[in-house]
Amino acid sequence: MTRHDRPAWAVRLQAEREARGWNKAEMARRLQRAAGHPPGPTDSLVRQMLDWESGKHFPRDWTAWYAAALAIDEDDLFRNALALDVDETRRRLLACVGVLGVEHSLHSEALTSIRHALTLSLGRDHTVEDWEEIAFEHGHAFLTRSPAELLPELAADLVGLQEALLTARTEAVKRGLATPAGKLSALMAMTVSGLGDNRQARDWWATARHAADTSADLDLRVWVRGYEAVNALYAQRPLAVVLRRAEEAIAIGGASSPAVMEALAARAQALAVQGRPRDAQDALDHLKTRYEQLPGGTAEDRLATNVWPETALAHTTAYVLTRTGSTGAGRAQDAALELYPRTMRRQRVQIDLLRATSLVADGHVTEGVQHAEQAVTRLPLEQRTHAVMRGAHTVLETIPDAASTSGVALEYRELLTLERGR
């Protein structure tokens, strides 16, 4: 790359260094000193400087130290460089959003460009509080909207948040943005998991954990791990992973916080699936005791970090008692359905599938399978998430061998096979 091909900031970095008579090793030593690093080998930093001065990479984490070492105002030294870099990143990421929802992306890119120009004129963009509200609204939308519908909108907001992180001028602002970044990344993990993409979900959960750990929000760190544990259970990741995430959340320090409740629920459910009814019941009893100490919340607060609603406790109770074959399972299922609003269709169908599982386990195979089939088919296609269909398959797996070739069982198996293909 020639001098004329390089970006202006790269040319200037080389020119300012050479004007002072410094070779690259001397520049590296001065950068280390400006950053407060102890004197040490400079080979690695010199290699990075070659990329920076050639314009191959932008020295994003070193702009302040370059300005200090050269005694030049940072904005003057890198004039427009960061804005151009952010614009290019935004265009690339919005192109990715286009794959998820073409029409949405076309509108989003055009509108974002207009808003971005206005923001530059005003000198102000979304605050940390704005991004926290955006994450809150996505959490509410997740409970009732289909994953396919939510996915492109969630992805577009993650692009906007990425831009905010890139342009954050202080570490305090960047750390503050890590909180909505952790929440939105967790919601993306749940969304792609609902679409059956478990590999993407696993990676997004890792991103959510890293973002939460970067933030100063202890409740978020607990919350992310608790919800990952429950999601891992429905995604059929190893039960050891489910329990490890749950125990991590409990150990981090959420003992007195509502954020830990999902981790406690995940532990009770995983123990039930493991075939440890006594341990599962003990875990459920502990969960109920803790619930009595919490502030109240509504069903719409299901994904909040500061409350844990009664619907969550009722759903967990119904799940544990169903999977352990308890005689109280039917009453728990009734209680959960009574609490869930009609708008939460997926959640109500999940309870119906627990009821079908109990019916089949109690020997009422035809009635249970028909109940499950009706529950699945009355749910719109776009709402038949991976978690819902996992519950539907549990009904199938509960059918005893002697009844597995009956007409009703074969028809139900065919339905699930068609759903998997779809």
Protein backbone atom coordinates (compact mmCIF):
# COMPACT_ATOMS: atom_id res chain seq x y z
CA MET A 1 0.00 0.00 0.00
CA THR A 2 1.54 3.33 -1.05
CA ARG A 3 1.40 6.59 0.89
CA HIS A 4 -1.41 7.75 -1.39
CA ASP A 5 -3.44 4.56 -0.81
CA ARG A 6 -3.27 4.70 2.95
CA PRO A 7 -5.85 6.46 5.15
CA ALA A 8 -4.84 9.92 6.31
CA TRP A 9 -4.46 8.88 9.94
CA ALA A 10 -1.98 6.10 9.00
CA VAL A 11 0.14 8.51 6.97
CA ARG A 12 0.13 10.98 9.83
CA LEU A 13 1.19 8.39 12.44
CA GLN A 14 4.29 7.62 10.38
CA ALA A 15 4.97 11.29 9.63
CA GLU A 16 4.71 12.37 13.28
CA ARG A 17 7.02 9.56 14.36
CA GLU A 18 9.62 10.33 11.71
CA ALA A 19 9.44 14.08 12.39
CA ARG A 20 10.66 13.38 15.90
CA GLY A 21 13.46 11.13 14.68
CA TRP A 22 12.03 8.04 16.40
CA ASN A 23 12.36 4.59 14.93
CA LYS A 24 9.55 2.10 15.50
CA ALA A 25 11.17 0.59 18.58
CA GLU A 26 11.45 4.03 20.19
CA MET A 27 7.82 4.79 19.31
CA ALA A 28 6.81 1.48 20.90
CA ARG A 29 8.72 2.32 24.10
CA ARG A 30 6.98 5.71 24.31
CA LEU A 31 3.57 4.09 23.74
CA GLN A 32 4.27 1.62 26.55
CA ARG A 33 5.26 4.48 28.85
CA ALA A 34 2.15 6.49 27.96
CA ALA A 35 -0.06 3.45 28.64
CA GLY A 36 1.60 2.92 32.02
CA HIS A 37 3.12 -0.42 31.06
CA PRO A 38 6.45 -1.42 32.64
CA PRO A 39 9.45 -1.35 30.28
CA GLY A 40 9.72 -4.59 28.35
CA PRO A 41 10.16 -6.18 24.94
CA THR A 42 8.73 -4.12 22.08
CA ASP A 43 8.76 -6.69 19.25
CA SER A 44 5.04 -7.47 19.44
CA LEU A 45 4.03 -3.81 19.59
CA VAL A 46 6.35 -2.96 16.69
CA ARG A 47 4.62 -5.61 14.58
CA GLN A 48 1.27 -4.02 15.40
CA MET A 49 2.65 -0.61 14.48
CA LEU A 50 3.56 -1.91 11.03
CA ASP A 51 -0.12 -2.71 10.48
CA TRP A 52 -1.22 0.64 11.90
CA GLU A 53 1.14 2.76 9.84
CA SER A 54 0.28 0.80 6.69
CA GLY A 55 -3.41 1.45 7.35
CA LYS A 56 -4.17 -2.26 7.53
CA HIS A 57 -5.69 -1.97 11.02
CA PHE A 58 -6.89 0.95 13.11
CA PRO A 59 -5.17 1.25 16.54
CA ARG A 60 -8.51 1.36 18.37
CA ASP A 61 -7.15 0.55 21.85
CA TRP A 62 -4.08 2.74 21.46
CA THR A 63 -5.47 6.08 20.20
CA ALA A 64 -5.26 7.76 23.63
CA TRP A 65 -1.69 6.54 24.16
CA TYR A 66 -0.60 7.71 20.70
CA ALA A 67 -2.04 11.14 21.47
CA ALA A 68 -0.23 11.24 24.83
CA ALA A 69 3.09 10.03 23.43
CA LEU A 70 2.99 12.54 20.56
CA ALA A 71 1.48 15.34 22.68
CA ILE A 72 -1.30 15.88 20.12
CA ASP A 73 -5.03 16.13 20.73
CA GLU A 74 -6.58 12.70 20.09
CA ASP A 75 -9.43 14.06 17.94
CA ASP A 76 -6.96 16.06 15.87
CA LEU A 77 -4.60 13.10 15.40
CA PHE A 78 -7.34 10.71 14.32
CA ARG A 79 -9.76 13.21 12.79
CA ASN A 80 -12.78 11.36 11.27
CA ALA A 81 -10.92 8.04 11.42
CA LEU A 82 -13.13 6.44 14.05
CA ALA A 83 -16.35 7.68 12.43
CA LEU A 84 -15.31 6.20 9.09
CA ASP A 85 -14.33 2.93 10.74
CA VAL A 86 -17.69 2.75 12.53
CA ASP A 87 -19.58 3.53 9.34
CA GLU A 88 -17.83 0.70 7.52
CA THR A 89 -18.50 -1.71 10.39
CA ARG A 90 -22.16 -0.67 10.46
CA ARG A 91 -22.56 -1.24 6.72
CA ARG A 92 -21.01 -4.68 6.98
CA LEU A 93 -23.16 -5.71 9.93
CA LEU A 94 -26.36 -4.37 8.37
CA ALA A 95 -25.56 -6.47 5.32
CA CYS A 96 -25.60 -9.45 7.70
CA VAL A 97 -28.98 -8.31 9.00
CA GLY A 98 -30.15 -8.32 5.38
CA VAL A 99 -29.69 -12.07 5.27
CA LEU A 100 -32.04 -12.38 8.26
CA GLY A 101 -34.72 -10.05 6.90
CA VAL A 102 -34.09 -8.33 3.58
CA GLU A 103 -36.93 -5.83 3.70
CA HIS A 104 -36.16 -4.91 7.27
CA SER A 105 -32.49 -4.40 6.41
CA LEU A 106 -33.20 -2.09 3.47
CA HIS A 107 -35.38 0.13 5.62
CA SER A 108 -32.99 -0.08 8.55
CA GLU A 109 -29.90 0.93 6.60
CA ALA A 110 -31.63 3.92 5.00
CA LEU A 111 -33.17 5.12 8.25
CA THR A 112 -30.00 4.49 10.26
CA SER A 113 -27.98 6.63 7.84
CA ILE A 114 -30.45 9.49 8.23
CA ARG A 115 -30.49 9.18 12.00
CA HIS A 116 -26.70 8.90 12.11
CA ALA A 117 -26.34 12.20 10.22
CA LEU A 118 -28.79 13.89 12.60
CA THR A 119 -26.96 12.45 15.60
CA LEU A 120 -23.68 13.96 14.39
CA SER A 121 -25.41 17.32 14.08
CA LEU A 122 -26.82 17.09 17.59
CA GLY A 123 -23.64 15.65 19.07
CA ARG A 124 -25.58 13.08 21.07
CA ASP A 125 -26.76 9.49 20.50
CA HIS A 126 -28.45 6.79 22.59
CA THR A 127 -27.38 6.80 26.23
CA VAL A 128 -26.72 3.73 28.36
CA GLU A 129 -30.22 4.17 29.79
CA ASP A 130 -31.69 4.21 26.27
CA TRP A 131 -30.00 0.90 25.47
CA GLU A 132 -31.20 -0.61 28.74
CA GLU A 133 -34.77 0.33 27.78
CA ILE A 134 -34.31 -1.22 24.33
CA ALA A 135 -33.14 -4.46 25.95
CA PHE A 136 -36.12 -4.34 28.32
CA GLU A 137 -38.56 -3.99 25.41
CA HIS A 138 -36.99 -6.90 23.54
CA GLY A 139 -37.35 -9.00 26.69
CA HIS A 140 -41.08 -8.32 26.76
CA ALA A 141 -41.44 -8.97 23.01
CA PHE A 142 -39.66 -12.33 23.31
CA LEU A 143 -42.46 -13.72 25.48
CA THR A 144 -45.17 -13.37 22.83
CA ARG A 145 -43.61 -12.79 19.39
CA SER A 146 -42.20 -15.54 17.21
CA PRO A 147 -38.40 -15.95 17.08
CA ALA A 148 -38.33 -15.51 13.28
CA GLU A 149 -40.15 -12.18 13.60
CA LEU A 150 -37.97 -10.95 16.45
CA LEU A 151 -34.62 -12.04 14.99
CA PRO A 152 -33.93 -9.25 12.40
CA GLU A 153 -35.06 -6.50 14.77
CA LEU A 154 -32.90 -7.83 17.57
CA ALA A 155 -29.94 -8.17 15.20
CA ALA A 156 -30.38 -4.59 13.96
CA ASP A 157 -30.33 -3.25 17.52
CA LEU A 158 -27.21 -5.28 18.25
CA VAL A 159 -25.60 -3.51 15.28
CA GLY A 160 -26.55 -0.17 16.81
CA LEU A 161 -25.18 -1.20 20.18
CA GLN A 162 -21.94 -2.33 18.54
CA GLU A 163 -21.63 1.15 17.06
CA ALA A 164 -22.20 2.71 20.47
CA LEU A 165 -19.47 0.52 21.98
CA LEU A 166 -17.03 1.43 19.20
CA THR A 167 -17.59 5.15 19.68
CA ALA A 168 -17.70 5.16 23.50
CA ARG A 169 -15.20 7.77 24.60
CA THR A 170 -14.65 6.54 28.16
CA GLU A 171 -14.21 3.18 29.81
CA ALA A 172 -17.07 4.03 32.18
CA VAL A 173 -19.51 4.42 29.27
CA LYS A 174 -18.24 1.23 27.64
CA ARG A 175 -18.66 -0.67 30.90
CA GLY A 176 -22.17 0.74 31.26
CA LEU A 177 -23.06 -0.43 27.73
CA ALA A 178 -21.88 -3.94 28.63
CA THR A 179 -25.09 -4.40 30.66
CA PRO A 180 -27.54 -4.01 27.74
CA ALA A 181 -25.02 -5.88 25.56
CA GLY A 182 -25.21 -8.86 27.92
CA LYS A 183 -29.02 -8.75 28.02
CA LEU A 184 -29.43 -8.41 24.24
CA SER A 185 -26.87 -11.16 23.58
CA ALA A 186 -28.77 -13.48 25.94
CA LEU A 187 -32.03 -12.66 24.15
CA MET A 188 -30.35 -13.43 20.82
CA ALA A 189 -29.20 -16.77 22.25
CA MET A 190 -32.78 -17.57 23.30
CA THR A 191 -34.12 -16.46 19.92
CA VAL A 192 -31.81 -18.59 17.79
CA SER A 193 -32.32 -21.48 20.19
CA GLY A 194 -36.06 -21.14 19.62
CA LEU A 195 -35.33 -21.57 15.92
CA GLY A 196 -33.38 -24.75 16.66
CA ASP A 197 -29.87 -23.41 16.00
CA ASN A 198 -28.16 -24.76 19.09
CA ARG A 199 -24.61 -24.02 17.91
CA GLN A 200 -25.37 -20.32 17.41
CA ALA A 201 -27.19 -20.28 20.74
CA ARG A 202 -24.17 -21.73 22.54
CA ASP A 203 -21.89 -19.06 21.04
CA TRP A 204 -24.30 -16.23 21.85
CA TRP A 205 -24.55 -17.46 25.43
CA ALA A 206 -20.75 -17.26 25.67
CA THR A 207 -20.89 -13.68 24.36
CA ALA A 208 -23.63 -12.84 26.85
CA ARG A 209 -21.54 -14.19 29.72
CA HIS A 210 -18.46 -12.23 28.62
CA ALA A 211 -20.48 -9.02 28.30
CA ALA A 212 -22.12 -9.54 31.69
CA ASP A 213 -18.75 -10.21 33.30
CA THR A 214 -17.39 -6.98 31.75
CA SER A 215 -20.23 -4.98 33.28
CA ALA A 216 -20.45 -3.94 36.91
CA ASP A 217 -23.87 -5.61 37.17
CA LEU A 218 -23.70 -8.60 39.50
CA ASP A 219 -27.38 -9.45 38.99
CA LEU A 220 -26.85 -9.65 35.23
CA ARG A 221 -23.95 -12.08 35.64
CA VAL A 222 -26.22 -14.33 37.72
CA TRP A 223 -29.24 -13.86 35.42
CA VAL A 224 -27.37 -14.75 32.20
CA ARG A 225 -26.02 -18.00 33.63
CA GLY A 226 -29.39 -18.98 35.10
CA TYR A 227 -31.22 -18.52 31.82
CA GLU A 228 -28.44 -20.26 29.92
CA ALA A 229 -28.87 -23.23 32.24
CA VAL A 230 -32.62 -23.50 31.51
CA ASN A 231 -32.04 -22.97 27.79
CA ALA A 232 -29.34 -25.65 27.79
CA LEU A 233 -31.82 -28.08 29.38
CA TYR A 234 -34.37 -27.60 26.59
CA ALA A 235 -31.61 -27.68 23.96
CA GLN A 236 -30.55 -31.08 25.34
CA ARG A 237 -27.01 -30.02 26.09
CA PRO A 238 -25.35 -32.34 28.63
CA LEU A 239 -27.01 -32.16 32.03
CA ALA A 240 -23.56 -31.56 33.52
CA VAL A 241 -23.45 -28.26 31.58
CA VAL A 242 -26.92 -27.31 32.84
CA LEU A 243 -25.95 -27.93 36.45
CA ARG A 244 -22.56 -26.25 36.06
CA ARG A 245 -24.11 -23.03 34.75
CA ALA A 246 -26.73 -23.09 37.50
CA GLU A 247 -24.11 -23.62 40.21
CA GLU A 248 -21.94 -20.84 38.71
CA ALA A 249 -24.88 -18.43 38.97
CA ILE A 250 -25.60 -19.42 42.57
CA ALA A 251 -21.92 -19.15 43.54
CA ILE A 252 -21.32 -15.73 41.95
CA GLY A 253 -23.23 -14.01 44.72
CA GLY A 254 -26.90 -13.86 43.85
CA ALA A 255 -28.07 -15.48 47.07
CA SER A 256 -30.31 -12.53 48.02
CA SER A 257 -31.26 -11.49 44.47
CA PRO A 258 -34.27 -12.44 42.32
CA ALA A 259 -31.73 -12.96 39.52
CA VAL A 260 -30.66 -16.28 41.07
CA MET A 261 -34.15 -17.79 40.87
CA GLU A 262 -33.81 -19.03 37.30
CA ALA A 263 -30.61 -20.84 38.24
CA LEU A 264 -32.37 -22.52 41.16
CA ALA A 265 -35.23 -23.48 38.83
CA ALA A 266 -32.77 -24.91 36.30
CA ARG A 267 -31.15 -27.03 39.01
CA ALA A 268 -34.50 -28.48 40.14
CA GLN A 269 -35.53 -29.29 36.56
CA ALA A 270 -32.17 -30.87 35.67
CA LEU A 271 -32.30 -33.10 38.76
CA ALA A 272 -35.80 -34.21 37.75
CA VAL A 273 -34.60 -35.12 34.25
CA GLN A 274 -31.64 -36.98 35.77
CA GLY A 275 -34.08 -39.29 37.57
CA ARG A 276 -33.32 -37.97 41.07
CA PRO A 277 -36.83 -37.25 42.38
CA ARG A 278 -35.88 -36.69 46.01
CA ASP A 279 -33.10 -34.23 45.13
CA ALA A 280 -35.38 -32.50 42.62
CA GLN A 281 -38.11 -32.11 45.24
CA ASP A 282 -35.62 -30.72 47.77
CA ALA A 283 -34.42 -28.22 45.16
CA LEU A 284 -38.03 -27.27 44.38
CA ASP A 285 -38.83 -26.79 48.07
CA HIS A 286 -35.78 -24.53 48.42
CA LEU A 287 -36.93 -22.56 45.36
CA LYS A 288 -40.39 -22.05 46.87
CA THR A 289 -38.92 -20.88 50.17
CA ARG A 290 -36.77 -18.33 48.36
CA TYR A 291 -39.72 -17.20 46.26
CA GLU A 292 -41.65 -16.18 49.39
CA GLN A 293 -38.93 -13.60 50.12
CA LEU A 294 -39.16 -11.88 46.71
CA PRO A 295 -41.04 -8.77 45.57
CA GLY A 296 -44.10 -9.43 43.43
CA GLY A 297 -44.04 -9.41 39.64
CA THR A 298 -46.32 -10.01 36.68
CA ALA A 299 -46.10 -12.66 33.97
CA GLU A 300 -44.69 -9.99 31.61
CA ASP A 301 -41.69 -9.58 33.96
CA ARG A 302 -40.48 -13.10 33.17
CA LEU A 303 -37.16 -11.92 31.77
CA ALA A 304 -36.45 -9.16 34.28
CA THR A 305 -33.41 -9.36 36.54
CA ASN A 306 -35.08 -7.76 39.57
CA VAL A 307 -38.25 -9.89 39.89
CA TRP A 308 -39.27 -13.49 39.26
CA PRO A 309 -43.02 -13.88 38.68
CA GLU A 310 -45.39 -16.51 40.03
CA THR A 311 -45.82 -17.92 36.52
CA ALA A 312 -42.15 -18.90 36.54
CA LEU A 313 -42.53 -20.76 39.84
CA ALA A 314 -45.73 -22.45 38.65
CA HIS A 315 -44.13 -23.56 35.37
CA THR A 316 -41.07 -24.92 37.16
CA THR A 317 -43.24 -26.77 39.69
CA ALA A 318 -45.36 -28.33 36.93
CA TYR A 319 -42.22 -29.41 35.05
CA VAL A 320 -40.49 -30.98 38.06
CA LEU A 321 -43.60 -32.81 39.32
CA THR A 322 -44.41 -34.07 35.81
CA ARG A 323 -40.89 -35.37 35.17
CA THR A 324 -40.70 -37.06 38.58
CA GLY A 325 -44.17 -38.65 38.23
CA SER A 326 -45.55 -36.94 41.31
CA THR A 327 -49.25 -37.29 42.12
CA GLY A 328 -49.42 -33.50 42.41
CA ALA A 329 -48.45 -32.91 38.78
CA GLY A 330 -52.02 -32.40 37.54
CA ARG A 331 -52.78 -29.73 40.15
CA ALA A 332 -49.51 -27.96 39.35
CA GLN A 333 -50.36 -27.95 35.63
CA ASP A 334 -53.81 -26.50 36.38
CA ALA A 335 -52.24 -23.78 38.53
CA ALA A 336 -49.78 -22.81 35.80
CA LEU A 337 -52.49 -22.58 33.13
CA GLU A 338 -54.62 -20.48 35.47
CA LEU A 339 -51.79 -17.98 35.89
CA TYR A 340 -50.56 -17.68 32.31
CA PRO A 341 -52.30 -14.95 30.26
CA ARG A 342 -53.83 -15.99 26.93
CA THR A 343 -51.25 -13.92 25.06
CA MET A 344 -48.46 -16.29 26.16
CA ARG A 345 -49.45 -19.06 23.79
CA ARG A 346 -46.15 -20.93 23.67
CA GLN A 347 -45.93 -21.14 27.43
CA ARG A 348 -49.51 -22.42 27.75
CA VAL A 349 -48.86 -25.10 25.12
CA GLN A 350 -45.76 -26.20 27.03
CA ILE A 351 -47.96 -26.78 30.09
CA ASP A 352 -50.48 -28.68 27.94
CA LEU A 353 -47.64 -30.91 26.74
CA LEU A 354 -46.66 -31.59 30.35
CA ARG A 355 -50.26 -32.65 30.97
CA ALA A 356 -50.09 -34.95 27.93
CA THR A 357 -46.86 -36.46 29.28
CA SER A 358 -48.56 -37.20 32.62
CA LEU A 359 -51.56 -38.78 30.89
CA VAL A 360 -49.35 -41.09 28.82
CA ALA A 361 -47.19 -41.98 31.85
CA ASP A 362 -50.36 -42.88 33.80
CA GLY A 363 -51.45 -45.30 31.06
CA HIS A 364 -53.89 -43.04 29.20
CA VAL A 365 -51.90 -43.22 25.96
CA THR A 366 -54.64 -42.36 23.46
CA GLU A 367 -55.98 -39.46 25.52
CA GLY A 368 -52.48 -38.12 26.21
CA VAL A 369 -51.29 -38.31 22.60
CA GLN A 370 -54.48 -36.69 21.31
CA HIS A 371 -54.09 -33.92 23.90
CA ALA A 372 -50.50 -33.32 22.74
CA GLU A 373 -51.46 -33.32 19.06
CA GLN A 374 -54.21 -30.77 19.65
CA ALA A 375 -51.85 -28.56 21.66
CA VAL A 376 -49.20 -28.52 18.93
CA THR A 377 -51.50 -28.05 15.96
CA ARG A 378 -53.47 -25.15 17.47
CA LEU A 379 -50.22 -23.21 17.88
CA PRO A 380 -49.26 -21.17 14.78
CA LEU A 381 -46.31 -22.60 12.86
CA GLU A 382 -44.04 -19.64 13.66
CA GLN A 383 -44.62 -20.14 17.39
CA ARG A 384 -43.63 -23.81 17.41
CA THR A 385 -40.20 -23.18 18.89
CA HIS A 386 -37.54 -25.72 19.66
CA ALA A 387 -38.55 -25.71 23.35
CA VAL A 388 -42.18 -26.39 22.46
CA MET A 389 -41.26 -29.24 20.15
CA ARG A 390 -38.93 -30.70 22.79
CA GLY A 391 -41.96 -30.98 25.04
CA ALA A 392 -43.88 -32.62 22.20
CA HIS A 393 -41.13 -35.20 21.73
CA THR A 394 -41.10 -35.93 25.46
CA VAL A 395 -44.70 -37.11 25.09
CA LEU A 396 -43.60 -39.45 22.29
CA GLU A 397 -40.69 -40.77 24.35
CA THR A 398 -43.05 -41.52 27.25
CA ILE A 399 -45.23 -43.89 25.20
CA PRO A 400 -44.51 -47.48 26.35
CA ASP A 401 -43.14 -49.92 23.79
CA ALA A 402 -46.35 -51.94 23.80
CA ALA A 403 -48.33 -48.93 22.53
CA SER A 404 -45.69 -47.44 20.24
CA THR A 405 -47.15 -49.08 17.11
CA SER A 406 -50.76 -48.11 17.79
CA GLY A 407 -52.49 -45.95 15.20
CA VAL A 408 -52.61 -42.85 17.39
CA ALA A 409 -48.89 -43.18 18.28
CA LEU A 410 -47.87 -43.61 14.64
CA GLU A 411 -49.92 -40.59 13.56
CA TYR A 412 -48.35 -38.48 16.29
CA ARG A 413 -44.85 -39.64 15.33
CA GLU A 414 -45.59 -38.65 11.71
CA LEU A 415 -46.73 -35.21 12.85
CA LEU A 416 -43.47 -34.63 14.72
CA THR A 417 -41.45 -35.91 11.76
CA LEU A 418 -43.19 -33.38 9.49
CA GLU A 419 -42.55 -30.63 12.03
CA ARG A 420 -38.86 -31.49 12.16
CA GLY A 421 -38.65 -31.35 8.37
CA ARG A 422 -40.43 -28.03 8.30
